[in-house]
Amino acid sequence: MVAEVHFDASEIEALSRAIAKLPGEIKTKAMARAMRRMTTMARTRVVKRNAEHTKLPQRIIREQTTAYFNAGGNTIELVEKSGWIPLFKLGARQTRRGVRVRTRGSYKGMFIAKMESGHSGVFRRVGKERTPIREMFGPNPAHAITNNPDVYMQALAEIIQENLAPRFLHELDRILPGRPM
Protein backbone atom coordinates (compact mmCIF):
# COMPACT_ATOMS: atom_id res chain seq x y z
CA MET A 1 0.00 0.00 0.00
CA VAL A 2 1.39 3.35 -1.03
CA ALA A 3 0.03 6.39 0.77
CA GLU A 4 -0.15 9.64 -1.12
CA VAL A 5 0.33 12.89 0.72
CA HIS A 6 -0.93 16.12 -0.84
CA PHE A 7 0.00 19.60 0.38
CA ASP A 8 -1.62 22.74 -0.88
CA ALA A 9 -0.26 26.00 0.55
CA SER A 10 1.35 29.14 -0.81
CA GLU A 11 4.36 28.95 1.50
CA ILE A 12 5.33 25.35 0.71
CA GLU A 13 8.05 26.34 -1.78
CA ALA A 14 9.76 28.72 0.66
CA LEU A 15 9.48 26.18 3.41
CA SER A 16 10.99 23.44 1.25
CA ARG A 17 13.95 25.71 0.38
CA ALA A 18 14.52 26.42 4.08
CA ILE A 19 14.37 22.72 4.93
CA ALA A 20 16.72 21.87 2.05
CA LYS A 21 19.36 24.20 3.54
CA LEU A 22 19.36 22.32 6.85
CA PRO A 23 22.06 19.71 7.53
CA GLY A 24 21.05 16.15 6.73
CA GLU A 25 21.48 14.92 10.30
CA ILE A 26 18.96 17.48 11.60
CA LYS A 27 16.41 16.51 8.94
CA THR A 28 16.97 12.83 9.72
CA LYS A 29 16.58 13.39 13.44
CA ALA A 30 13.36 15.39 12.98
CA MET A 31 11.92 12.79 10.61
CA ALA A 32 12.80 9.95 13.01
CA ARG A 33 11.01 11.75 15.85
CA ALA A 34 7.99 12.45 13.66
CA MET A 35 7.85 8.82 12.51
CA ARG A 36 8.00 7.58 16.11
CA ARG A 37 4.98 9.75 16.86
CA MET A 38 3.23 8.45 13.75
CA THR A 39 3.85 4.94 15.07
CA THR A 40 1.94 5.59 18.30
CA MET A 41 -0.82 7.39 16.41
CA ALA A 42 -1.13 4.48 13.96
CA ARG A 43 -1.36 1.97 16.79
CA THR A 44 -4.08 4.00 18.50
CA ARG A 45 -6.11 4.39 15.31
CA VAL A 46 -5.84 0.72 14.35
CA VAL A 47 -6.83 -0.41 17.85
CA LYS A 48 -9.86 1.89 17.77
CA ARG A 49 -10.99 0.74 14.31
CA ASN A 50 -10.42 -2.90 15.21
CA ALA A 51 -12.44 -2.54 18.43
CA GLU A 52 -15.33 -1.02 16.49
CA HIS A 53 -15.14 -3.72 13.83
CA THR A 54 -14.91 -6.73 16.15
CA LYS A 55 -17.16 -5.20 18.84
CA LEU A 56 -14.53 -5.82 21.51
CA PRO A 57 -13.21 -3.49 24.19
CA GLN A 58 -10.15 -1.52 23.10
CA ARG A 59 -8.12 -2.81 26.06
CA ILE A 60 -8.31 -6.39 24.76
CA ILE A 61 -7.11 -5.36 21.30
CA ARG A 62 -4.46 -2.99 22.70
CA GLU A 63 -2.90 -5.87 24.66
CA GLN A 64 -2.32 -7.76 21.43
CA THR A 65 -1.10 -4.93 19.20
CA THR A 66 2.49 -3.73 19.05
CA ALA A 67 4.04 -1.08 16.87
CA TYR A 68 7.69 -0.81 15.84
CA PHE A 69 9.64 2.02 14.28
CA ASN A 70 12.71 1.26 12.20
CA ALA A 71 14.81 4.43 12.47
CA GLY A 72 17.34 3.30 9.89
CA GLY A 73 14.81 2.88 7.13
CA ASN A 74 12.26 5.43 8.34
CA THR A 75 9.53 2.79 8.23
CA ILE A 76 6.72 1.89 10.59
CA GLU A 77 5.73 -1.68 11.26
CA LEU A 78 2.46 -2.34 13.03
CA VAL A 79 1.99 -5.92 14.22
CA GLU A 80 -1.13 -7.40 15.73
CA LYS A 81 -0.61 -10.90 17.01
CA SER A 82 -3.78 -12.47 18.18
CA GLY A 83 -5.33 -15.81 18.77
CA TRP A 84 -9.00 -16.46 19.16
CA ILE A 85 -10.22 -14.63 22.24
CA PRO A 86 -11.95 -16.93 24.75
CA LEU A 87 -15.61 -16.10 25.34
CA PHE A 88 -14.95 -16.23 29.07
CA LYS A 89 -12.56 -13.28 28.76
CA LEU A 90 -15.37 -11.24 27.17
CA GLY A 91 -17.48 -11.34 30.33
CA ALA A 92 -19.49 -14.54 29.98
CA ARG A 93 -22.27 -15.18 32.51
CA GLN A 94 -24.00 -18.48 33.19
CA THR A 95 -27.78 -18.50 32.68
CA ARG A 96 -30.37 -21.26 33.03
CA ARG A 97 -30.37 -21.93 29.29
CA GLY A 98 -26.66 -21.54 28.60
CA VAL A 99 -24.19 -18.67 28.59
CA ARG A 100 -24.72 -14.98 27.88
CA VAL A 101 -21.78 -12.87 26.66
CA ARG A 102 -21.88 -9.08 26.54
CA THR A 103 -22.02 -7.78 22.95
CA ARG A 104 -22.07 -11.36 21.64
CA GLY A 105 -25.47 -12.68 22.70
CA SER A 106 -26.63 -15.98 24.15
CA TYR A 107 -25.13 -19.40 23.58
CA LYS A 108 -27.73 -22.09 24.29
CA GLY A 109 -26.52 -25.31 25.89
CA MET A 110 -23.05 -24.02 26.80
CA PHE A 111 -21.63 -23.78 30.28
CA ILE A 112 -18.85 -22.11 32.26
CA ALA A 113 -16.40 -24.41 33.96
CA LYS A 114 -13.08 -24.22 35.76
CA MET A 115 -10.54 -26.88 34.86
CA GLU A 116 -8.19 -28.59 37.32
CA SER A 117 -5.38 -26.45 35.91
CA GLY A 118 -7.24 -23.32 37.08
CA HIS A 119 -8.28 -22.25 33.57
CA SER A 120 -11.87 -21.02 33.32
CA GLY A 121 -13.77 -20.97 30.06
CA VAL A 122 -17.02 -21.35 28.17
CA PHE A 123 -17.46 -24.92 26.96
CA ARG A 124 -19.90 -27.04 24.97
CA ARG A 125 -20.32 -30.75 24.71
CA VAL A 126 -19.36 -32.22 21.34
CA GLY A 127 -20.22 -35.88 21.89
CA LYS A 128 -23.43 -37.71 22.72
CA GLU A 129 -22.01 -38.48 26.14
CA ARG A 130 -20.94 -35.84 28.67
CA THR A 131 -17.46 -35.79 27.15
CA PRO A 132 -15.60 -34.60 25.16
CA ILE A 133 -16.07 -30.89 25.68
CA ARG A 134 -14.64 -28.06 23.61
CA GLU A 135 -13.83 -24.49 24.62
CA MET A 136 -15.63 -21.73 22.72
CA PHE A 137 -13.95 -18.61 21.42
CA GLY A 138 -15.00 -15.17 20.19
CA PRO A 139 -13.45 -13.15 17.37
CA ASN A 140 -9.83 -12.96 16.31
CA PRO A 141 -8.81 -9.27 15.92
CA ALA A 142 -5.94 -10.12 13.57
CA HIS A 143 -8.40 -11.77 11.18
CA ALA A 144 -10.40 -8.54 11.03
CA ILE A 145 -7.33 -6.77 9.66
CA THR A 146 -6.44 -9.60 7.28
CA ASN A 147 -9.98 -9.82 5.93
CA ASN A 148 -10.45 -6.02 5.57
CA PRO A 149 -7.02 -4.54 4.79
CA ASP A 150 -8.44 -1.56 2.87
CA VAL A 151 -10.25 -0.21 5.95
CA TYR A 152 -7.07 -0.24 8.03
CA MET A 153 -4.80 1.02 5.25
CA GLN A 154 -7.16 3.95 4.76
CA ALA A 155 -6.84 4.77 8.47
CA LEU A 156 -3.03 4.71 8.23
CA ALA A 157 -3.04 6.84 5.09
CA GLU A 158 -5.25 9.41 6.85
CA ILE A 159 -2.80 9.64 9.74
CA ILE A 160 0.15 10.20 7.43
CA GLN A 161 -1.67 12.71 5.25
CA GLU A 162 -3.03 14.75 8.15
CA ASN A 163 -0.17 14.59 10.62
CA LEU A 164 3.25 13.78 9.16
CA ALA A 165 4.15 17.20 7.71
CA PRO A 166 2.95 19.21 10.73
CA ARG A 167 4.70 16.81 13.08
CA PHE A 168 7.94 17.02 11.08
CA LEU A 169 7.81 20.84 11.31
CA HIS A 170 7.07 20.62 15.03
CA GLU A 171 10.12 18.39 15.56
CA LEU A 172 12.30 20.74 13.50
CA ASP A 173 11.11 23.60 15.69
CA ARG A 174 12.07 21.63 18.80
CA ILE A 175 15.53 20.81 17.41
CA LEU A 176 16.18 24.36 16.20
CA PRO A 177 14.94 26.62 19.02
CA GLY A 178 14.98 30.33 18.29
CA ARG A 179 15.28 29.90 14.50
CA PRO A 180 12.21 31.10 12.60
CA MET A 181 11.27 28.85 9.70
C-alpha atoms as a PDB file:
ATOM      1  CA  MET A   1       0.000   0.000   0.000  1.00  0.00           C
ATOM      2  CA  VAL A   2       1.388   3.354  -1.031  1.00  0.00           C
ATOM      3  CA  ALA A   3       0.027   6.388   0.773  1.00  0.00           C
ATOM      4  CA  GLU A   4      -0.152   9.635  -1.118  1.00  0.00           C
ATOM      5  CA  VAL A   5       0.325  12.890   0.722  1.00  0.00           C
ATOM      6  CA  HIS A   6      -0.929  16.121  -0.839  1.00  0.00           C
ATOM      7  CA  PHE A   7      -0.002  19.602   0.380  1.00  0.00           C
ATOM      8  CA  ASP A   8      -1.621  22.743  -0.878  1.00  0.00           C
ATOM      9  CA  ALA A   9      -0.255  26.003   0.555  1.00  0.00           C
ATOM     10  CA  SER A  10       1.348  29.144  -0.812  1.00  0.00           C
ATOM     11  CA  GLU A  11       4.364  28.947   1.497  1.00  0.00           C
ATOM     12  CA  ILE A  12       5.333  25.346   0.708  1.00  0.00           C
ATOM     13  CA  GLU A  13       8.047  26.335  -1.780  1.00  0.00           C
ATOM     14  CA  ALA A  14       9.762  28.720   0.655  1.00  0.00           C
ATOM     15  CA  LEU A  15       9.483  26.176   3.414  1.00  0.00           C
ATOM     16  CA  SER A  16      10.990  23.441   1.253  1.00  0.00           C
ATOM     17  CA  ARG A  17      13.951  25.707   0.383  1.00  0.00           C
ATOM     18  CA  ALA A  18      14.519  26.420   4.080  1.00  0.00           C
ATOM     19  CA  ILE A  19      14.367  22.723   4.930  1.00  0.00           C
ATOM     20  CA  ALA A  20      16.722  21.868   2.052  1.00  0.00           C
ATOM     21  CA  LYS A  21      19.358  24.202   3.539  1.00  0.00           C
ATOM     22  CA  LEU A  22      19.358  22.322   6.850  1.00  0.00           C
ATOM     23  CA  PRO A  23      22.061  19.711   7.533  1.00  0.00           C
ATOM     24  CA  GLY A  24      21.054  16.148   6.733  1.00  0.00           C
ATOM     25  CA  GLU A  25      21.482  14.923  10.296  1.00  0.00           C
ATOM     26  CA  ILE A  26      18.960  17.482  11.602  1.00  0.00           C
ATOM     27  CA  LYS A  27      16.407  16.505   8.944  1.00  0.00           C
ATOM     28  CA  THR A  28      16.967  12.827   9.721  1.00  0.00           C
ATOM     29  CA  LYS A  29      16.584  13.387  13.445  1.00  0.00           C
ATOM     30  CA  ALA A  30      13.365  15.389  12.977  1.00  0.00           C
ATOM     31  CA  MET A  31      11.918  12.791  10.613  1.00  0.00           C
ATOM     32  CA  ALA A  32      12.803   9.954  13.012  1.00  0.00           C
ATOM     33  CA  ARG A  33      11.010  11.750  15.850  1.00  0.00           C
ATOM     34  CA  ALA A  34       7.990  12.453  13.662  1.00  0.00           C
ATOM     35  CA  MET A  35       7.848   8.817  12.514  1.00  0.00           C
ATOM     36  CA  ARG A  36       8.002   7.580  16.113  1.00  0.00           C
ATOM     37  CA  ARG A  37       4.976   9.748  16.864  1.00  0.00           C
ATOM     38  CA  MET A  38       3.228   8.449  13.750  1.00  0.00           C
ATOM     39  CA  THR A  39       3.847   4.937  15.070  1.00  0.00           C
ATOM     40  CA  THR A  40       1.937   5.587  18.295  1.00  0.00           C
ATOM     41  CA  MET A  41      -0.822   7.392  16.409  1.00  0.00           C
ATOM     42  CA  ALA A  42      -1.134   4.484  13.962  1.00  0.00           C
ATOM     43  CA  ARG A  43      -1.361   1.966  16.794  1.00  0.00           C
ATOM     44  CA  THR A  44      -4.076   4.000  18.502  1.00  0.00           C
ATOM     45  CA  ARG A  45      -6.109   4.387  15.307  1.00  0.00           C
ATOM     46  CA  VAL A  46      -5.843   0.718  14.350  1.00  0.00           C
ATOM     47  CA  VAL A  47      -6.833  -0.408  17.846  1.00  0.00           C
ATOM     48  CA  LYS A  48      -9.862   1.892  17.771  1.00  0.00           C
ATOM     49  CA  ARG A  49     -10.986   0.742  14.308  1.00  0.00           C
ATOM     50  CA  ASN A  50     -10.424  -2.901  15.207  1.00  0.00           C
ATOM     51  CA  ALA A  51     -12.435  -2.539  18.430  1.00  0.00           C
ATOM     52  CA  GLU A  52     -15.328  -1.022  16.494  1.00  0.00           C
ATOM     53  CA  HIS A  53     -15.144  -3.715  13.828  1.00  0.00           C
ATOM     54  CA  THR A  54     -14.913  -6.728  16.154  1.00  0.00           C
ATOM     55  CA  LYS A  55     -17.161  -5.199  18.841  1.00  0.00           C
ATOM     56  CA  LEU A  56     -14.529  -5.822  21.507  1.00  0.00           C
ATOM     57  CA  PRO A  57     -13.212  -3.485  24.192  1.00  0.00           C
ATOM     58  CA  GLN A  58     -10.149  -1.516  23.097  1.00  0.00           C
ATOM     59  CA  ARG A  59      -8.120  -2.807  26.060  1.00  0.00           C
ATOM     60  CA  ILE A  60      -8.308  -6.388  24.756  1.00  0.00           C
ATOM     61  CA  ILE A  61      -7.107  -5.363  21.299  1.00  0.00           C
ATOM     62  CA  ARG A  62      -4.458  -2.988  22.696  1.00  0.00           C
ATOM     63  CA  GLU A  63      -2.897  -5.872  24.662  1.00  0.00           C
ATOM     64  CA  GLN A  64      -2.321  -7.765  21.433  1.00  0.00           C
ATOM     65  CA  THR A  65      -1.098  -4.929  19.205  1.00  0.00           C
ATOM     66  CA  THR A  66       2.485  -3.732  19.055  1.00  0.00           C
ATOM     67  CA  ALA A  67       4.043  -1.076  16.873  1.00  0.00           C
ATOM     68  CA  TYR A  68       7.687  -0.811  15.839  1.00  0.00           C
ATOM     69  CA  PHE A  69       9.640   2.017  14.281  1.00  0.00           C
ATOM     70  CA  ASN A  70      12.708   1.264  12.200  1.00  0.00           C
ATOM     71  CA  ALA A  71      14.811   4.428  12.473  1.00  0.00           C
ATOM     72  CA  GLY A  72      17.339   3.297   9.889  1.00  0.00           C
ATOM     73  CA  GLY A  73      14.808   2.875   7.134  1.00  0.00           C
ATOM     74  CA  ASN A  74      12.259   5.428   8.340  1.00  0.00           C
ATOM     75  CA  THR A  75       9.532   2.789   8.234  1.00  0.00           C
ATOM     76  CA  ILE A  76       6.718   1.894  10.591  1.00  0.00           C
ATOM     77  CA  GLU A  77       5.734  -1.683  11.257  1.00  0.00           C
ATOM     78  CA  LEU A  78       2.456  -2.338  13.029  1.00  0.00           C
ATOM     79  CA  VAL A  79       1.994  -5.918  14.221  1.00  0.00           C
ATOM     80  CA  GLU A  80      -1.135  -7.403  15.730  1.00  0.00           C
ATOM     81  CA  LYS A  81      -0.608 -10.896  17.010  1.00  0.00           C
ATOM     82  CA  SER A  82      -3.781 -12.466  18.182  1.00  0.00           C
ATOM     83  CA  GLY A  83      -5.325 -15.805  18.774  1.00  0.00           C
ATOM     84  CA  TRP A  84      -9.004 -16.455  19.162  1.00  0.00           C
ATOM     85  CA  ILE A  85     -10.215 -14.634  22.242  1.00  0.00           C
ATOM     86  CA  PRO A  86     -11.946 -16.931  24.748  1.00  0.00           C
ATOM     87  CA  LEU A  87     -15.608 -16.102  25.338  1.00  0.00           C
ATOM     88  CA  PHE A  88     -14.946 -16.232  29.066  1.00  0.00           C
ATOM     89  CA  LYS A  89     -12.565 -13.280  28.763  1.00  0.00           C
ATOM     90  CA  LEU A  90     -15.375 -11.237  27.172  1.00  0.00           C
ATOM     91  CA  GLY A  91     -17.485 -11.336  30.330  1.00  0.00           C
ATOM     92  CA  ALA A  92     -19.487 -14.543  29.985  1.00  0.00           C
ATOM     93  CA  ARG A  93     -22.270 -15.179  32.513  1.00  0.00           C
ATOM     94  CA  GLN A  94     -23.999 -18.476  33.193  1.00  0.00           C
ATOM     95  CA  THR A  95     -27.777 -18.504  32.677  1.00  0.00           C
ATOM     96  CA  ARG A  96     -30.370 -21.256  33.025  1.00  0.00           C
ATOM     97  CA  ARG A  97     -30.375 -21.928  29.295  1.00  0.00           C
ATOM     98  CA  GLY A  98     -26.657 -21.537  28.600  1.00  0.00           C
ATOM     99  CA  VAL A  99     -24.194 -18.668  28.586  1.00  0.00           C
ATOM    100  CA  ARG A 100     -24.720 -14.976  27.879  1.00  0.00           C
ATOM    101  CA  VAL A 101     -21.781 -12.869  26.656  1.00  0.00           C
ATOM    102  CA  ARG A 102     -21.878  -9.077  26.536  1.00  0.00           C
ATOM    103  CA  THR A 103     -22.018  -7.777  22.950  1.00  0.00           C
ATOM    104  CA  ARG A 104     -22.068 -11.362  21.643  1.00  0.00           C
ATOM    105  CA  GLY A 105     -25.467 -12.676  22.701  1.00  0.00           C
ATOM    106  CA  SER A 106     -26.633 -15.980  24.146  1.00  0.00           C
ATOM    107  CA  TYR A 107     -25.134 -19.399  23.581  1.00  0.00           C
ATOM    108  CA  LYS A 108     -27.726 -22.089  24.293  1.00  0.00           C
ATOM    109  CA  GLY A 109     -26.517 -25.308  25.892  1.00  0.00           C
ATOM    110  CA  MET A 110     -23.054 -24.018  26.799  1.00  0.00           C
ATOM    111  CA  PHE A 111     -21.632 -23.781  30.281  1.00  0.00           C
ATOM    112  CA  ILE A 112     -18.854 -22.111  32.258  1.00  0.00           C
ATOM    113  CA  ALA A 113     -16.395 -24.414  33.959  1.00  0.00           C
ATOM    114  CA  LYS A 114     -13.080 -24.216  35.759  1.00  0.00           C
ATOM    115  CA  MET A 115     -10.541 -26.879  34.862  1.00  0.00           C
ATOM    116  CA  GLU A 116      -8.191 -28.590  37.316  1.00  0.00           C
ATOM    117  CA  SER A 117      -5.384 -26.450  35.908  1.00  0.00           C
ATOM    118  CA  GLY A 118      -7.240 -23.316  37.080  1.00  0.00           C
ATOM    119  CA  HIS A 119      -8.278 -22.252  33.570  1.00  0.00           C
ATOM    120  CA  SER A 120     -11.873 -21.022  33.317  1.00  0.00           C
ATOM    121  CA  GLY A 121     -13.768 -20.969  30.062  1.00  0.00           C
ATOM    122  CA  VAL A 122     -17.019 -21.355  28.175  1.00  0.00           C
ATOM    123  CA  PHE A 123     -17.460 -24.917  26.962  1.00  0.00           C
ATOM    124  CA  ARG A 124     -19.904 -27.035  24.973  1.00  0.00           C
ATOM    125  CA  ARG A 125     -20.315 -30.749  24.713  1.00  0.00           C
ATOM    126  CA  VAL A 126     -19.361 -32.224  21.342  1.00  0.00           C
ATOM    127  CA  GLY A 127     -20.223 -35.882  21.885  1.00  0.00           C
ATOM    128  CA  LYS A 128     -23.428 -37.708  22.725  1.00  0.00           C
ATOM    129  CA  GLU A 129     -22.009 -38.485  26.143  1.00  0.00           C
ATOM    130  CA  ARG A 130     -20.938 -35.836  28.665  1.00  0.00           C
ATOM    131  CA  THR A 131     -17.462 -35.793  27.149  1.00  0.00           C
ATOM    132  CA  PRO A 132     -15.605 -34.602  25.162  1.00  0.00           C
ATOM    133  CA  ILE A 133     -16.068 -30.889  25.675  1.00  0.00           C
ATOM    134  CA  ARG A 134     -14.638 -28.064  23.611  1.00  0.00           C
ATOM    135  CA  GLU A 135     -13.835 -24.487  24.620  1.00  0.00           C
ATOM    136  CA  MET A 136     -15.632 -21.731  22.719  1.00  0.00           C
ATOM    137  CA  PHE A 137     -13.947 -18.608  21.419  1.00  0.00           C
ATOM    138  CA  GLY A 138     -14.995 -15.174  20.195  1.00  0.00           C
ATOM    139  CA  PRO A 139     -13.448 -13.150  17.373  1.00  0.00           C
ATOM    140  CA  ASN A 140      -9.830 -12.955  16.307  1.00  0.00           C
ATOM    141  CA  PRO A 141      -8.814  -9.272  15.920  1.00  0.00           C
ATOM    142  CA  ALA A 142      -5.944 -10.119  13.571  1.00  0.00           C
ATOM    143  CA  HIS A 143      -8.398 -11.768  11.178  1.00  0.00           C
ATOM    144  CA  ALA A 144     -10.401  -8.542  11.033  1.00  0.00           C
ATOM    145  CA  ILE A 145      -7.334  -6.774   9.659  1.00  0.00           C
ATOM    146  CA  THR A 146      -6.443  -9.603   7.284  1.00  0.00           C
ATOM    147  CA  ASN A 147      -9.984  -9.823   5.934  1.00  0.00           C
ATOM    148  CA  ASN A 148     -10.452  -6.019   5.568  1.00  0.00           C
ATOM    149  CA  PRO A 149      -7.022  -4.543   4.786  1.00  0.00           C
ATOM    150  CA  ASP A 150      -8.442  -1.557   2.875  1.00  0.00           C
ATOM    151  CA  VAL A 151     -10.249  -0.212   5.953  1.00  0.00           C
ATOM    152  CA  TYR A 152      -7.074  -0.236   8.026  1.00  0.00           C
ATOM    153  CA  MET A 153      -4.796   1.023   5.248  1.00  0.00           C
ATOM    154  CA  GLN A 154      -7.160   3.953   4.765  1.00  0.00           C
ATOM    155  CA  ALA A 155      -6.837   4.774   8.470  1.00  0.00           C
ATOM    156  CA  LEU A 156      -3.032   4.713   8.232  1.00  0.00           C
ATOM    157  CA  ALA A 157      -3.044   6.844   5.085  1.00  0.00           C
ATOM    158  CA  GLU A 158      -5.251   9.406   6.849  1.00  0.00           C
ATOM    159  CA  ILE A 159      -2.797   9.645   9.737  1.00  0.00           C
ATOM    160  CA  ILE A 160       0.152  10.204   7.426  1.00  0.00           C
ATOM    161  CA  GLN A 161      -1.667  12.706   5.253  1.00  0.00           C
ATOM    162  CA  GLU A 162      -3.029  14.750   8.154  1.00  0.00           C
ATOM    163  CA  ASN A 163      -0.166  14.587  10.622  1.00  0.00           C
ATOM    164  CA  LEU A 164       3.246  13.780   9.162  1.00  0.00           C
ATOM    165  CA  ALA A 165       4.150  17.198   7.711  1.00  0.00           C
ATOM    166  CA  PRO A 166       2.947  19.213  10.727  1.00  0.00           C
ATOM    167  CA  ARG A 167       4.700  16.810  13.079  1.00  0.00           C
ATOM    168  CA  PHE A 168       7.935  17.023  11.081  1.00  0.00           C
ATOM    169  CA  LEU A 169       7.814  20.837  11.307  1.00  0.00           C
ATOM    170  CA  HIS A 170       7.075  20.617  15.029  1.00  0.00           C
ATOM    171  CA  GLU A 171      10.122  18.394  15.564  1.00  0.00           C
ATOM    172  CA  LEU A 172      12.299  20.738  13.499  1.00  0.00           C
ATOM    173  CA  ASP A 173      11.108  23.600  15.687  1.00  0.00           C
ATOM    174  CA  ARG A 174      12.067  21.630  18.796  1.00  0.00           C
ATOM    175  CA  ILE A 175      15.530  20.805  17.413  1.00  0.00           C
ATOM    176  CA  LEU A 176      16.181  24.360  16.205  1.00  0.00           C
ATOM    177  CA  PRO A 177      14.944  26.624  19.015  1.00  0.00           C
ATOM    178  CA  GLY A 178      14.981  30.332  18.286  1.00  0.00           C
ATOM    179  CA  ARG A 179      15.278  29.903  14.502  1.00  0.00           C
ATOM    180  CA  PRO A 180      12.205  31.097  12.604  1.00  0.00           C
ATOM    181  CA  MET A 181      11.271  28.855   9.698  1.00  0.00           C
END
